[in-house]
Amino acid sequence: MTTHPPARNRVSPLGEIIATPGRGAWMGNRGRLHQGRGTRDIVRNHQHKAWITCALSFRGRRVAQWEPNRYTPLFFLDEAVALAAGHRPCAECRHRAYTEYRTLWAETHRGAMPYAKEMDDRLHRERTCASGHRAPWNGLPDGVFVGTDAGPAVVVGDRLAVWDRCDNMYRDKLPRPGAGTATVLTPPSTAGILRAGYPAQIDDSAR
């Protein structure tokens, strides 16, 4: 039996589309990123500003992969990776999570309940115009990604779990600094929502 290498449809915490083992816990959508039929040829990073995170299955629907004129399904190790990459919960298949995210957005931005387009426009500016922002270590919530010398790492309690690009899981564990500031990779708006209590799912390999 022929074994195909992993497709280039996994997403890193930096928002890159890469080929690495394991689909992970969530699926994502940035529009149609591939070209042709069945070629698995990714030709763009995104087609539109609405980057969403979806459930792997929803009401028995099946998403055709690598088909012309269909969006390209992307996959994330966990929700923390998806949020760091700049995605938000889908309003349909993850309605409860979307509602919580949207409510906390209004709270943290001190405004009215936002439309999806408002959030997408803001997240698009944040993920394309910055390579991280600075924030105190002692104020970072679980689920936020930070930059380290060993690579992108997710905050989990008093530790940092480094995401392994080769295996698409968390490998090394580092102590979380008790003072100073971190380079936060998760977009500022989403980092604020995590700080306000949004319960991002984190893969067990981080613990």
N, C-alpha and C. Protein backbone atom coordinates (compact mmCIF):
# COMPACT_ATOMS: atom_id res chain seq x y z
N MET A 1 0.84 -1.19 0.00
CA MET A 1 0.00 0.00 0.00
C MET A 1 0.88 1.25 0.00
N THR A 2 0.56 2.23 -0.84
CA THR A 2 1.34 3.46 -0.92
C THR A 2 1.00 4.37 0.24
N THR A 3 2.03 4.87 0.90
CA THR A 3 1.84 5.81 2.00
C THR A 3 2.20 7.21 1.52
N HIS A 4 1.24 8.11 1.58
CA HIS A 4 1.48 9.47 1.14
C HIS A 4 2.05 10.30 2.29
N PRO A 5 2.95 11.22 2.01
CA PRO A 5 3.45 12.10 3.05
C PRO A 5 2.33 13.02 3.53
N PRO A 6 2.46 13.63 4.72
CA PRO A 6 1.42 14.55 5.20
C PRO A 6 1.17 15.67 4.20
N ALA A 7 -0.08 16.03 4.04
CA ALA A 7 -0.43 17.13 3.15
C ALA A 7 -0.04 18.46 3.79
N ARG A 8 0.16 19.44 2.94
CA ARG A 8 0.46 20.78 3.46
C ARG A 8 -0.86 21.49 3.75
N ASN A 9 -1.47 21.08 4.85
CA ASN A 9 -2.72 21.72 5.27
C ASN A 9 -2.85 21.78 6.79
N ARG A 10 -1.72 21.68 7.48
CA ARG A 10 -1.68 21.89 8.93
C ARG A 10 -1.23 23.33 9.18
N VAL A 11 -1.59 23.86 10.35
CA VAL A 11 -1.27 25.26 10.65
C VAL A 11 -0.40 25.34 11.89
N SER A 12 0.63 26.17 11.81
CA SER A 12 1.53 26.39 12.95
C SER A 12 0.99 27.53 13.81
N PRO A 13 1.51 27.71 15.03
CA PRO A 13 1.09 28.84 15.87
C PRO A 13 1.42 30.19 15.25
N LEU A 14 2.33 30.20 14.26
CA LEU A 14 2.70 31.44 13.58
C LEU A 14 1.79 31.72 12.39
N GLY A 15 0.83 30.84 12.14
CA GLY A 15 -0.09 31.04 11.04
C GLY A 15 0.36 30.46 9.72
N GLU A 16 1.53 29.79 9.70
CA GLU A 16 2.04 29.18 8.48
C GLU A 16 1.23 27.93 8.15
N ILE A 17 1.12 27.62 6.86
CA ILE A 17 0.50 26.38 6.42
C ILE A 17 1.62 25.42 6.06
N ILE A 18 1.70 24.31 6.78
CA ILE A 18 2.85 23.41 6.68
C ILE A 18 2.39 21.97 6.51
N ALA A 19 3.34 21.11 6.19
CA ALA A 19 3.09 19.66 6.13
C ALA A 19 3.73 19.04 7.35
N THR A 20 2.91 18.42 8.20
CA THR A 20 3.40 17.80 9.42
C THR A 20 2.40 16.72 9.83
N PRO A 21 2.80 15.71 10.59
CA PRO A 21 1.88 14.61 10.92
C PRO A 21 0.71 15.06 11.80
N GLY A 22 -0.35 14.26 11.76
CA GLY A 22 -1.46 14.45 12.69
C GLY A 22 -2.36 15.61 12.32
N ARG A 23 -3.66 15.34 12.27
CA ARG A 23 -4.59 16.43 11.95
C ARG A 23 -4.89 17.30 13.16
N GLY A 24 -4.91 16.71 14.35
CA GLY A 24 -5.21 17.49 15.53
C GLY A 24 -6.69 17.54 15.85
N ALA A 25 -7.08 18.51 16.67
CA ALA A 25 -8.42 18.55 17.26
C ALA A 25 -9.42 19.40 16.51
N TRP A 26 -8.96 20.28 15.61
CA TRP A 26 -9.86 21.23 14.97
C TRP A 26 -9.54 21.38 13.49
N MET A 27 -10.55 21.81 12.75
CA MET A 27 -10.40 22.13 11.34
C MET A 27 -10.56 23.63 11.17
N GLY A 28 -9.94 24.20 10.11
CA GLY A 28 -10.04 25.62 9.88
C GLY A 28 -10.35 25.97 8.44
N ASN A 29 -10.67 27.23 8.23
CA ASN A 29 -11.07 27.71 6.91
C ASN A 29 -10.54 29.12 6.72
N ARG A 30 -9.80 29.32 5.61
CA ARG A 30 -9.38 30.66 5.18
C ARG A 30 -9.77 30.88 3.72
N GLY A 31 -10.66 30.02 3.19
CA GLY A 31 -11.03 30.09 1.79
C GLY A 31 -10.30 29.04 0.97
N ARG A 32 -10.35 29.18 -0.33
CA ARG A 32 -9.69 28.21 -1.22
C ARG A 32 -8.23 28.62 -1.40
N LEU A 33 -7.34 27.77 -0.91
CA LEU A 33 -5.91 28.06 -0.93
C LEU A 33 -5.17 27.19 -1.93
N HIS A 34 -5.83 26.15 -2.44
CA HIS A 34 -5.17 25.22 -3.35
C HIS A 34 -5.58 25.49 -4.80
N GLN A 35 -4.85 24.86 -5.70
CA GLN A 35 -5.10 25.03 -7.13
C GLN A 35 -5.24 23.66 -7.78
N GLY A 36 -6.20 23.53 -8.68
CA GLY A 36 -6.37 22.26 -9.38
C GLY A 36 -7.20 21.27 -8.59
N ARG A 37 -7.26 20.04 -9.08
CA ARG A 37 -8.04 18.99 -8.44
C ARG A 37 -7.11 17.91 -7.91
N GLY A 38 -7.15 17.68 -6.61
CA GLY A 38 -6.37 16.60 -6.01
C GLY A 38 -4.87 16.81 -6.02
N THR A 39 -4.42 18.02 -6.31
CA THR A 39 -2.98 18.26 -6.44
C THR A 39 -2.32 18.54 -5.09
N ARG A 40 -3.11 18.93 -4.11
CA ARG A 40 -2.60 19.32 -2.78
C ARG A 40 -1.57 20.44 -2.91
N ASP A 41 -1.79 21.31 -3.88
CA ASP A 41 -0.85 22.39 -4.17
C ASP A 41 -1.37 23.70 -3.57
N ILE A 42 -0.81 24.12 -2.44
CA ILE A 42 -1.21 25.36 -1.78
C ILE A 42 -0.54 26.53 -2.49
N VAL A 43 -1.35 27.50 -2.93
CA VAL A 43 -0.81 28.62 -3.71
C VAL A 43 -0.97 29.96 -3.01
N ARG A 44 -1.69 30.00 -1.88
CA ARG A 44 -1.85 31.26 -1.15
C ARG A 44 -2.04 30.97 0.33
N ASN A 45 -1.77 31.97 1.16
CA ASN A 45 -1.92 31.82 2.61
C ASN A 45 -3.37 31.98 3.06
N HIS A 46 -4.12 32.82 2.36
CA HIS A 46 -5.53 33.02 2.70
C HIS A 46 -6.23 33.65 1.49
N GLN A 47 -7.54 33.48 1.45
CA GLN A 47 -8.34 34.06 0.38
C GLN A 47 -9.17 35.23 0.88
N HIS A 48 -9.48 35.25 2.16
CA HIS A 48 -10.29 36.33 2.73
C HIS A 48 -9.87 36.56 4.18
N LYS A 49 -10.48 37.54 4.83
CA LYS A 49 -10.09 37.92 6.19
C LYS A 49 -10.75 37.06 7.27
N ALA A 50 -11.78 36.31 6.91
CA ALA A 50 -12.48 35.47 7.90
C ALA A 50 -11.73 34.16 8.07
N TRP A 51 -10.92 34.10 9.13
CA TRP A 51 -10.18 32.88 9.46
C TRP A 51 -10.92 32.23 10.63
N ILE A 52 -11.50 31.06 10.40
CA ILE A 52 -12.33 30.46 11.45
C ILE A 52 -11.80 29.08 11.85
N THR A 53 -12.21 28.66 13.03
CA THR A 53 -11.87 27.34 13.57
C THR A 53 -13.16 26.55 13.70
N CYS A 54 -13.18 25.36 13.08
CA CYS A 54 -14.40 24.55 13.03
C CYS A 54 -14.22 23.22 13.74
N ALA A 55 -15.34 22.60 14.08
CA ALA A 55 -15.32 21.23 14.61
C ALA A 55 -14.92 20.28 13.49
N LEU A 56 -14.27 19.17 13.85
CA LEU A 56 -13.87 18.19 12.85
C LEU A 56 -15.08 17.54 12.18
N SER A 57 -16.19 17.42 12.90
CA SER A 57 -17.41 16.89 12.32
C SER A 57 -18.60 17.70 12.82
N PHE A 58 -19.60 17.87 11.96
CA PHE A 58 -20.77 18.68 12.31
C PHE A 58 -21.97 18.20 11.49
N ARG A 59 -22.94 17.64 12.18
CA ARG A 59 -24.20 17.20 11.56
C ARG A 59 -23.97 16.27 10.37
N GLY A 60 -22.95 15.45 10.46
CA GLY A 60 -22.71 14.45 9.43
C GLY A 60 -22.21 14.98 8.11
N ARG A 61 -21.87 16.26 8.04
CA ARG A 61 -21.39 16.83 6.79
C ARG A 61 -19.98 16.33 6.48
N ARG A 62 -19.71 16.16 5.19
CA ARG A 62 -18.38 15.77 4.75
C ARG A 62 -17.82 16.87 3.85
N VAL A 63 -16.62 17.29 4.14
CA VAL A 63 -15.98 18.35 3.35
C VAL A 63 -15.04 17.71 2.34
N ALA A 64 -15.30 17.95 1.07
CA ALA A 64 -14.43 17.43 0.02
C ALA A 64 -13.08 18.16 0.06
N GLN A 65 -12.00 17.38 -0.01
CA GLN A 65 -10.68 17.99 0.05
C GLN A 65 -10.04 18.06 -1.33
N TRP A 66 -9.32 19.16 -1.55
CA TRP A 66 -8.55 19.35 -2.79
C TRP A 66 -9.44 19.34 -4.03
N GLU A 67 -10.68 19.81 -3.89
CA GLU A 67 -11.58 19.91 -5.03
C GLU A 67 -11.61 21.35 -5.54
N PRO A 68 -11.75 21.54 -6.87
CA PRO A 68 -11.84 22.90 -7.40
C PRO A 68 -13.05 23.63 -6.83
N ASN A 69 -12.87 24.92 -6.61
CA ASN A 69 -13.97 25.79 -6.16
C ASN A 69 -14.52 25.42 -4.79
N ARG A 70 -13.73 24.69 -3.99
CA ARG A 70 -14.11 24.40 -2.62
C ARG A 70 -13.02 24.93 -1.70
N TYR A 71 -13.41 25.33 -0.49
CA TYR A 71 -12.39 25.84 0.43
C TYR A 71 -11.42 24.73 0.83
N THR A 72 -10.26 25.12 1.27
CA THR A 72 -9.21 24.18 1.66
C THR A 72 -9.30 23.92 3.16
N PRO A 73 -9.69 22.72 3.59
CA PRO A 73 -9.71 22.44 5.04
C PRO A 73 -8.29 22.47 5.62
N LEU A 74 -8.14 23.19 6.70
CA LEU A 74 -6.87 23.27 7.42
C LEU A 74 -7.06 22.57 8.77
N PHE A 75 -5.95 22.20 9.41
CA PHE A 75 -6.05 21.46 10.67
C PHE A 75 -5.07 22.00 11.71
N PHE A 76 -5.52 22.01 12.97
CA PHE A 76 -4.75 22.54 14.09
C PHE A 76 -4.57 21.47 15.16
N LEU A 77 -3.40 21.45 15.79
CA LEU A 77 -3.17 20.55 16.92
C LEU A 77 -4.23 20.77 17.99
N ASP A 78 -4.45 22.02 18.36
CA ASP A 78 -5.43 22.35 19.40
C ASP A 78 -5.94 23.77 19.17
N GLU A 79 -6.86 24.20 20.04
CA GLU A 79 -7.44 25.53 19.87
C GLU A 79 -6.44 26.63 20.18
N ALA A 80 -5.51 26.38 21.09
CA ALA A 80 -4.49 27.39 21.40
C ALA A 80 -3.67 27.73 20.16
N VAL A 81 -3.32 26.71 19.37
CA VAL A 81 -2.60 26.94 18.11
C VAL A 81 -3.46 27.74 17.15
N ALA A 82 -4.72 27.36 17.02
CA ALA A 82 -5.62 28.07 16.10
C ALA A 82 -5.77 29.54 16.47
N LEU A 83 -5.92 29.82 17.75
CA LEU A 83 -6.06 31.20 18.20
C LEU A 83 -4.78 31.99 17.99
N ALA A 84 -3.64 31.37 18.24
CA ALA A 84 -2.36 32.04 18.02
C ALA A 84 -2.16 32.38 16.55
N ALA A 85 -2.63 31.48 15.68
CA ALA A 85 -2.50 31.70 14.24
C ALA A 85 -3.41 32.81 13.73
N GLY A 86 -4.38 33.21 14.55
CA GLY A 86 -5.26 34.31 14.17
C GLY A 86 -6.67 33.91 13.80
N HIS A 87 -7.05 32.66 14.10
CA HIS A 87 -8.40 32.19 13.83
C HIS A 87 -9.32 32.46 15.01
N ARG A 88 -10.61 32.45 14.76
CA ARG A 88 -11.64 32.58 15.80
C ARG A 88 -12.64 31.45 15.64
N PRO A 89 -13.48 31.19 16.66
CA PRO A 89 -14.47 30.11 16.54
C PRO A 89 -15.50 30.38 15.44
N CYS A 90 -15.94 29.31 14.78
CA CYS A 90 -16.97 29.38 13.75
C CYS A 90 -18.32 29.67 14.40
N ALA A 91 -19.11 30.54 13.78
CA ALA A 91 -20.41 30.91 14.34
C ALA A 91 -21.46 29.82 14.17
N GLU A 92 -21.23 28.89 13.23
CA GLU A 92 -22.22 27.83 13.00
C GLU A 92 -21.91 26.57 13.78
N CYS A 93 -20.82 25.89 13.45
CA CYS A 93 -20.56 24.60 14.08
C CYS A 93 -20.03 24.73 15.50
N ARG A 94 -19.58 25.93 15.89
CA ARG A 94 -19.10 26.16 17.26
C ARG A 94 -19.82 27.38 17.84
N HIS A 95 -21.13 27.36 17.73
CA HIS A 95 -21.91 28.55 18.08
C HIS A 95 -21.70 28.99 19.53
N ARG A 96 -21.66 28.04 20.45
CA ARG A 96 -21.49 28.41 21.87
C ARG A 96 -20.14 29.08 22.10
N ALA A 97 -19.08 28.50 21.52
CA ALA A 97 -17.75 29.10 21.68
C ALA A 97 -17.69 30.46 20.99
N TYR A 98 -18.32 30.57 19.83
CA TYR A 98 -18.35 31.85 19.10
C TYR A 98 -19.05 32.92 19.94
N THR A 99 -20.17 32.56 20.54
CA THR A 99 -20.92 33.52 21.36
C THR A 99 -20.09 33.98 22.55
N GLU A 100 -19.39 33.06 23.20
CA GLU A 100 -18.54 33.42 24.33
C GLU A 100 -17.39 34.31 23.88
N TYR A 101 -16.77 33.96 22.78
CA TYR A 101 -15.66 34.77 22.24
C TYR A 101 -16.15 36.18 21.90
N ARG A 102 -17.30 36.25 21.26
CA ARG A 102 -17.87 37.54 20.84
C ARG A 102 -18.26 38.39 22.06
N THR A 103 -18.84 37.75 23.06
CA THR A 103 -19.22 38.48 24.28
C THR A 103 -17.99 39.04 24.99
N LEU A 104 -16.94 38.22 25.09
CA LEU A 104 -15.70 38.69 25.72
C LEU A 104 -15.00 39.73 24.88
N TRP A 105 -15.17 39.67 23.57
CA TRP A 105 -14.62 40.72 22.70
C TRP A 105 -15.25 42.07 23.06
N ALA A 106 -16.58 42.08 23.17
CA ALA A 106 -17.28 43.32 23.52
C ALA A 106 -16.81 43.84 24.88
N GLU A 107 -16.62 42.90 25.81
CA GLU A 107 -16.19 43.28 27.16
C GLU A 107 -14.77 43.85 27.17
N THR A 108 -13.85 43.20 26.47
CA THR A 108 -12.46 43.62 26.50
C THR A 108 -12.19 44.84 25.62
N HIS A 109 -13.05 45.06 24.62
CA HIS A 109 -12.89 46.24 23.77
C HIS A 109 -13.81 47.38 24.21
N ARG A 110 -14.58 47.13 25.28
CA ARG A 110 -15.47 48.14 25.85
C ARG A 110 -16.39 48.75 24.78
N GLY A 111 -17.05 47.86 24.05
CA GLY A 111 -17.95 48.33 23.00
C GLY A 111 -19.18 47.45 22.91
N ALA A 112 -19.96 47.68 21.85
CA ALA A 112 -21.16 46.89 21.61
C ALA A 112 -20.77 45.50 21.11
N MET A 113 -21.73 44.58 21.10
CA MET A 113 -21.47 43.25 20.56
C MET A 113 -21.03 43.39 19.10
N PRO A 114 -19.88 42.86 18.74
CA PRO A 114 -19.36 43.09 17.38
C PRO A 114 -19.99 42.14 16.36
N TYR A 115 -20.02 42.59 15.13
CA TYR A 115 -20.34 41.70 14.02
C TYR A 115 -19.09 40.88 13.70
N ALA A 116 -19.29 39.74 13.07
CA ALA A 116 -18.15 38.89 12.71
C ALA A 116 -17.15 39.66 11.85
N LYS A 117 -17.64 40.47 10.91
CA LYS A 117 -16.75 41.21 10.02
C LYS A 117 -15.86 42.17 10.79
N GLU A 118 -16.40 42.80 11.83
CA GLU A 118 -15.58 43.72 12.64
C GLU A 118 -14.43 42.96 13.30
N MET A 119 -14.72 41.79 13.86
CA MET A 119 -13.68 41.00 14.50
C MET A 119 -12.66 40.52 13.47
N ASP A 120 -13.15 40.08 12.32
CA ASP A 120 -12.25 39.57 11.28
C ASP A 120 -11.32 40.67 10.77
N ASP A 121 -11.87 41.86 10.58
CA ASP A 121 -11.03 42.98 10.11
C ASP A 121 -9.94 43.31 11.13
N ARG A 122 -10.32 43.34 12.40
CA ARG A 122 -9.35 43.67 13.46
C ARG A 122 -8.28 42.58 13.59
N LEU A 123 -8.71 41.32 13.60
CA LEU A 123 -7.77 40.21 13.70
C LEU A 123 -6.83 40.18 12.50
N HIS A 124 -7.36 40.51 11.32
CA HIS A 124 -6.50 40.52 10.13
C HIS A 124 -5.40 41.57 10.26
N ARG A 125 -5.75 42.74 10.77
CA ARG A 125 -4.72 43.78 10.98
C ARG A 125 -3.69 43.31 12.00
N GLU A 126 -4.16 42.68 13.05
CA GLU A 126 -3.25 42.26 14.11
C GLU A 126 -2.31 41.15 13.67
N ARG A 127 -2.80 40.20 12.87
CA ARG A 127 -1.95 39.07 12.50
C ARG A 127 -1.04 39.40 11.33
N THR A 128 -1.33 40.44 10.56
CA THR A 128 -0.50 40.77 9.41
C THR A 128 0.42 41.96 9.64
N CYS A 129 0.17 42.73 10.68
CA CYS A 129 0.95 43.96 10.89
C CYS A 129 1.92 43.86 12.06
N ALA A 130 2.02 42.70 12.68
CA ALA A 130 2.90 42.60 13.84
C ALA A 130 3.53 41.22 13.92
N SER A 131 4.69 41.17 14.56
CA SER A 131 5.37 39.89 14.77
C SER A 131 5.39 39.56 16.26
N GLY A 132 4.34 39.94 16.94
CA GLY A 132 4.26 39.72 18.38
C GLY A 132 4.18 41.04 19.12
N HIS A 133 3.61 41.00 20.31
CA HIS A 133 3.55 42.20 21.15
C HIS A 133 4.06 41.84 22.53
N ARG A 134 4.46 42.84 23.28
CA ARG A 134 5.06 42.60 24.60
C ARG A 134 3.98 42.67 25.68
N ALA A 135 4.12 41.79 26.66
CA ALA A 135 3.20 41.77 27.80
C ALA A 135 3.91 41.15 29.00
N PRO A 136 3.56 41.55 30.22
CA PRO A 136 4.20 40.98 31.42
C PRO A 136 3.94 39.49 31.54
N TRP A 137 4.97 38.75 31.94
CA TRP A 137 4.82 37.30 32.14
C TRP A 137 3.74 36.99 33.16
N ASN A 138 3.68 37.77 34.23
CA ASN A 138 2.77 37.42 35.32
C ASN A 138 1.31 37.68 34.99
N GLY A 139 1.02 38.26 33.83
CA GLY A 139 -0.37 38.50 33.47
C GLY A 139 -0.87 37.65 32.32
N LEU A 140 -0.05 36.68 31.90
CA LEU A 140 -0.42 35.87 30.74
C LEU A 140 -1.31 34.69 31.15
N PRO A 141 -2.42 34.50 30.47
CA PRO A 141 -3.33 33.38 30.79
C PRO A 141 -2.91 32.10 30.08
N ASP A 142 -3.40 30.98 30.56
CA ASP A 142 -3.19 29.71 29.86
C ASP A 142 -3.76 29.81 28.44
N GLY A 143 -3.05 29.18 27.49
CA GLY A 143 -3.52 29.17 26.11
C GLY A 143 -2.89 30.20 25.21
N VAL A 144 -2.20 31.18 25.80
CA VAL A 144 -1.49 32.20 25.01
C VAL A 144 -0.16 31.62 24.53
N PHE A 145 0.19 31.93 23.29
CA PHE A 145 1.49 31.52 22.76
C PHE A 145 2.49 32.65 22.89
N VAL A 146 3.72 32.27 23.23
CA VAL A 146 4.82 33.23 23.35
C VAL A 146 6.01 32.74 22.53
N GLY A 147 6.90 33.65 22.22
CA GLY A 147 8.12 33.28 21.52
C GLY A 147 9.21 32.93 22.51
N THR A 148 9.93 31.85 22.25
CA THR A 148 11.09 31.46 23.08
C THR A 148 12.24 31.09 22.15
N ASP A 149 13.42 30.95 22.70
CA ASP A 149 14.57 30.54 21.90
C ASP A 149 14.38 29.14 21.31
N ALA A 150 13.53 28.33 21.96
CA ALA A 150 13.28 26.97 21.49
C ALA A 150 12.14 26.89 20.48
N GLY A 151 11.44 28.01 20.27
CA GLY A 151 10.32 28.03 19.34
C GLY A 151 9.05 28.52 20.01
N PRO A 152 7.92 28.57 19.27
CA PRO A 152 6.65 29.00 19.86
C PRO A 152 6.24 28.07 21.00
N ALA A 153 5.77 28.66 22.09
CA ALA A 153 5.40 27.86 23.26
C ALA A 153 4.09 28.38 23.84
N VAL A 154 3.28 27.45 24.34
CA VAL A 154 2.00 27.82 24.94
C VAL A 154 2.16 27.89 26.45
N VAL A 155 1.50 28.87 27.06
CA VAL A 155 1.51 29.03 28.51
C VAL A 155 0.53 28.04 29.12
N VAL A 156 1.03 27.22 30.05
CA VAL A 156 0.19 26.28 30.79
C VAL A 156 0.62 26.34 32.25
N GLY A 157 -0.12 27.07 33.05
CA GLY A 157 0.24 27.20 34.46
C GLY A 157 1.59 27.86 34.63
N ASP A 158 2.48 27.20 35.38
CA ASP A 158 3.80 27.79 35.64
C ASP A 158 4.85 27.29 34.64
N ARG A 159 4.37 26.70 33.51
CA ARG A 159 5.31 26.19 32.51
C ARG A 159 4.97 26.72 31.12
N LEU A 160 5.94 26.53 30.23
CA LEU A 160 5.75 26.80 28.81
C LEU A 160 5.97 25.48 28.08
N ALA A 161 5.06 25.11 27.22
CA ALA A 161 5.18 23.89 26.42
C ALA A 161 5.52 24.28 24.99
N VAL A 162 6.67 23.83 24.52
CA VAL A 162 7.16 24.23 23.20
C VAL A 162 6.53 23.36 22.12
N TRP A 163 5.94 24.00 21.12
CA TRP A 163 5.34 23.28 20.00
C TRP A 163 6.42 22.76 19.08
N ASP A 164 6.35 21.47 18.76
CA ASP A 164 7.33 20.81 17.90
C ASP A 164 6.82 20.79 16.47
N ARG A 165 7.51 21.50 15.59
CA ARG A 165 7.09 21.63 14.20
C ARG A 165 7.13 20.29 13.46
N CYS A 166 8.09 19.42 13.81
CA CYS A 166 8.25 18.15 13.10
C CYS A 166 7.14 17.16 13.43
N ASP A 167 6.70 17.13 14.69
CA ASP A 167 5.72 16.13 15.13
C ASP A 167 4.34 16.71 15.41
N ASN A 168 4.19 18.04 15.31
CA ASN A 168 2.91 18.69 15.56
C ASN A 168 2.35 18.31 16.93
N MET A 169 3.19 18.46 17.95
CA MET A 169 2.77 18.25 19.32
C MET A 169 3.71 19.04 20.22
N TYR A 170 3.44 19.02 21.52
CA TYR A 170 4.30 19.74 22.46
C TYR A 170 5.37 18.79 22.98
N ARG A 171 6.61 19.25 22.98
CA ARG A 171 7.73 18.42 23.42
C ARG A 171 8.36 18.99 24.69
N ASP A 172 9.27 19.94 24.51
CA ASP A 172 10.02 20.47 25.64
C ASP A 172 9.13 21.30 26.55
N LYS A 173 9.40 21.22 27.85
CA LYS A 173 8.71 22.04 28.84
C LYS A 173 9.73 22.97 29.49
N LEU A 174 9.40 24.24 29.56
CA LEU A 174 10.29 25.25 30.12
C LEU A 174 9.61 25.90 31.31
N PRO A 175 10.40 26.36 32.29
CA PRO A 175 9.79 27.12 33.39
C PRO A 175 9.30 28.47 32.88
N ARG A 176 8.20 28.90 33.41
CA ARG A 176 7.65 30.21 33.04
C ARG A 176 8.35 31.29 33.86
N PRO A 177 8.96 32.28 33.22
CA PRO A 177 9.62 33.35 33.98
C PRO A 177 8.65 34.05 34.93
N GLY A 178 9.16 34.45 36.07
CA GLY A 178 8.30 35.10 37.05
C GLY A 178 8.30 36.61 36.95
N ALA A 179 9.20 37.17 36.15
CA ALA A 179 9.29 38.62 36.02
C ALA A 179 9.66 38.97 34.58
N GLY A 180 9.52 40.24 34.25
CA GLY A 180 9.87 40.70 32.92
C GLY A 180 8.70 40.60 31.95
N THR A 181 8.99 40.76 30.67
CA THR A 181 7.94 40.73 29.66
C THR A 181 8.21 39.65 28.61
N ALA A 182 7.13 39.16 28.03
CA ALA A 182 7.21 38.12 27.00
C ALA A 182 6.84 38.71 25.65
N THR A 183 7.30 38.04 24.60
CA THR A 183 6.82 38.34 23.25
C THR A 183 5.63 37.44 22.98
N VAL A 184 4.45 38.02 22.94
CA VAL A 184 3.21 37.26 22.79
C VAL A 184 2.89 37.13 21.31
N LEU A 185 2.67 35.89 20.86
CA LEU A 185 2.39 35.62 19.45
C LEU A 185 0.89 35.63 19.15
N THR A 186 0.08 35.29 20.12
CA THR A 186 -1.38 35.33 19.95
C THR A 186 -1.81 36.77 19.72
N PRO A 187 -2.65 37.04 18.72
CA PRO A 187 -3.08 38.43 18.46
C PRO A 187 -3.59 39.11 19.72
N PRO A 188 -3.31 40.42 19.87
CA PRO A 188 -3.69 41.13 21.10
C PRO A 188 -5.17 40.99 21.48
N SER A 189 -6.07 41.06 20.50
CA SER A 189 -7.50 40.95 20.83
C SER A 189 -7.83 39.60 21.42
N THR A 190 -7.28 38.54 20.84
CA THR A 190 -7.55 37.20 21.36
C THR A 190 -6.84 36.96 22.68
N ALA A 191 -5.62 37.50 22.83
CA ALA A 191 -4.93 37.38 24.12
C ALA A 191 -5.76 38.01 25.22
N GLY A 192 -6.39 39.15 24.94
CA GLY A 192 -7.26 39.79 25.92
C GLY A 192 -8.47 38.95 26.25
N ILE A 193 -9.02 38.27 25.26
CA ILE A 193 -10.17 37.40 25.47
C ILE A 193 -9.79 36.19 26.32
N LEU A 194 -8.61 35.64 26.08
CA LEU A 194 -8.12 34.54 26.93
C LEU A 194 -7.92 35.03 28.36
N ARG A 195 -7.39 36.22 28.50
CA ARG A 195 -7.17 36.79 29.83
C ARG A 195 -8.51 37.00 30.56
N ALA A 196 -9.55 37.27 29.79
CA ALA A 196 -10.87 37.51 30.37
C ALA A 196 -11.60 36.22 30.72
N GLY A 197 -11.01 35.07 30.36
CA GLY A 197 -11.59 33.80 30.80
C GLY A 197 -12.03 32.85 29.72
N TYR A 198 -11.76 33.14 28.46
CA TYR A 198 -12.14 32.18 27.41
C TYR A 198 -11.34 30.89 27.60
N PRO A 199 -12.02 29.73 27.65
CA PRO A 199 -11.34 28.46 27.97
C PRO A 199 -10.79 27.74 26.73
N ALA A 200 -9.65 28.16 26.24
CA ALA A 200 -9.07 27.53 25.05
C ALA A 200 -8.68 26.08 25.33
N GLN A 201 -9.00 25.20 24.39
CA GLN A 201 -8.60 23.80 24.51
C GLN A 201 -7.10 23.68 24.19
N ILE A 202 -6.37 22.99 25.05
CA ILE A 202 -4.91 22.78 24.90
C ILE A 202 -4.64 21.29 24.88
N ASP A 203 -3.86 20.84 23.92
CA ASP A 203 -3.57 19.42 23.78
C ASP A 203 -2.90 18.85 25.04
N ASP A 204 -3.23 17.60 25.36
CA ASP A 204 -2.70 16.97 26.57
C ASP A 204 -1.19 16.88 26.58
N SER A 205 -0.55 16.89 25.40
CA SER A 205 0.92 16.80 25.36
C SER A 205 1.58 18.02 25.96
N ALA A 206 0.82 19.09 26.22
CA ALA A 206 1.38 20.29 26.83
C ALA A 206 1.48 20.17 28.34
N ARG A 207 0.81 19.17 28.92
CA ARG A 207 0.71 19.10 30.38
C ARG A 207 1.65 18.07 30.98
